[in-house]
Protein backbone atom coordinates (compact mmCIF):
# COMPACT_ATOMS: atom_id res chain seq x y z
CA MET A 1 145.69 -336.84 -100.49
CA GLU A 2 147.56 -336.62 -97.31
CA CYS A 3 146.88 -334.00 -94.54
CA ASP A 4 149.51 -331.37 -93.84
CA ARG A 5 148.80 -331.45 -90.10
CA CYS A 6 148.67 -335.04 -89.11
CA HIS A 7 149.42 -336.99 -92.47
CA GLY A 8 146.07 -338.72 -92.26
CA LEU A 9 143.71 -339.51 -95.17
CA MET A 10 141.86 -336.52 -96.77
CA VAL A 11 138.55 -337.10 -98.38
CA GLN A 12 136.57 -334.71 -100.60
CA ASP A 13 133.52 -333.45 -99.03
CA VAL A 14 130.76 -330.85 -99.62
CA PHE A 15 130.40 -327.99 -97.12
CA GLU A 16 127.52 -325.60 -96.40
CA ASP A 17 128.12 -321.76 -95.95
CA TYR A 18 124.79 -319.92 -95.22
CA LEU A 19 126.73 -316.67 -94.46
CA ASP A 20 128.50 -316.44 -97.82
CA ASP A 21 127.73 -313.09 -99.60
CA THR A 22 128.31 -314.52 -103.15
CA GLY A 23 124.94 -316.38 -103.36
CA ARG A 24 126.51 -319.74 -103.13
CA SER A 25 125.67 -321.88 -100.17
CA THR A 26 127.92 -324.93 -100.76
CA PHE A 27 131.47 -325.49 -101.61
CA THR A 28 133.69 -328.51 -102.13
CA GLY A 29 136.93 -329.01 -100.22
CA TRP A 30 139.02 -331.69 -98.43
CA ARG A 31 138.44 -332.84 -94.94
CA CYS A 32 140.92 -335.02 -92.89
CA VAL A 33 139.40 -338.19 -91.45
CA LEU A 34 141.71 -338.25 -88.40
CA CYS A 35 142.11 -334.62 -87.20
CA GLY A 36 139.21 -332.81 -89.16
CA ALA A 37 141.31 -330.29 -90.84
CA ILE A 38 139.61 -328.59 -93.78
CA VAL A 39 141.31 -327.44 -96.93
CA ASP A 40 139.47 -325.74 -99.82
CA PRO A 41 140.59 -323.65 -102.84
CA VAL A 42 140.40 -320.39 -100.82
CA ILE A 43 142.66 -321.80 -98.07
CA CYS A 44 145.24 -323.17 -100.43
CA SER A 45 145.53 -319.73 -102.28
CA HIS A 46 146.04 -318.02 -98.88
CA ARG A 47 148.70 -320.43 -97.84
CA LEU A 48 150.51 -319.87 -101.10
CA THR A 49 150.64 -316.11 -100.84
CA ALA A 50 150.99 -315.72 -96.97
CA PRO A 51 154.45 -314.98 -95.53
CA PRO A 52 156.05 -318.04 -93.71
CA PRO A 53 155.36 -318.32 -89.96
CA PHE A 54 157.82 -317.16 -87.44
CA ILE A 55 159.39 -320.34 -86.15
CA GLY A 56 161.93 -320.36 -83.38
CA THR A 57 161.80 -316.65 -82.91
CA ALA A 58 160.18 -316.60 -79.35
CA ARG A 59 161.17 -313.50 -77.28
CA ARG A 60 162.31 -313.68 -73.69
CA ARG A 61 159.71 -312.19 -71.36
CA TRP A 62 162.13 -310.77 -68.94
CA THR A 63 165.94 -310.19 -68.69
CA VAL A 64 168.11 -311.32 -65.91
CA ARG A 65 170.11 -308.65 -64.32
CA SER A 66 172.70 -308.81 -61.51
CA ARG A 67 173.06 -306.01 -58.93
CA SER A 68 175.95 -304.51 -60.68
CA GLY A 69 173.73 -303.86 -63.76
CA ALA A 70 175.55 -306.30 -66.08
CA VAL A 71 173.30 -308.59 -68.15
C-alpha cells in the first residue's frame, strides 16, 4: 500500500487506544514508514463521506483602494 501524503511504504500496525469507550483497547491500521501517517477503517470512512477540501479559494485579507474610492 502507498501513502497518500508522501507516497511512501505503508505497513500494517496494531495501535493501542486506552481512552476508547467501546471496551476495545487495540485496533489495526496502516502506518507510513516515511512520514508516520496513520490510516484505519474509521479514517477511511470519514474521508469517503467528507466534503472535498477548499483548494485555491484563499481570500484576500485586505482590499487596495485609491483616494478616489475606486478599487
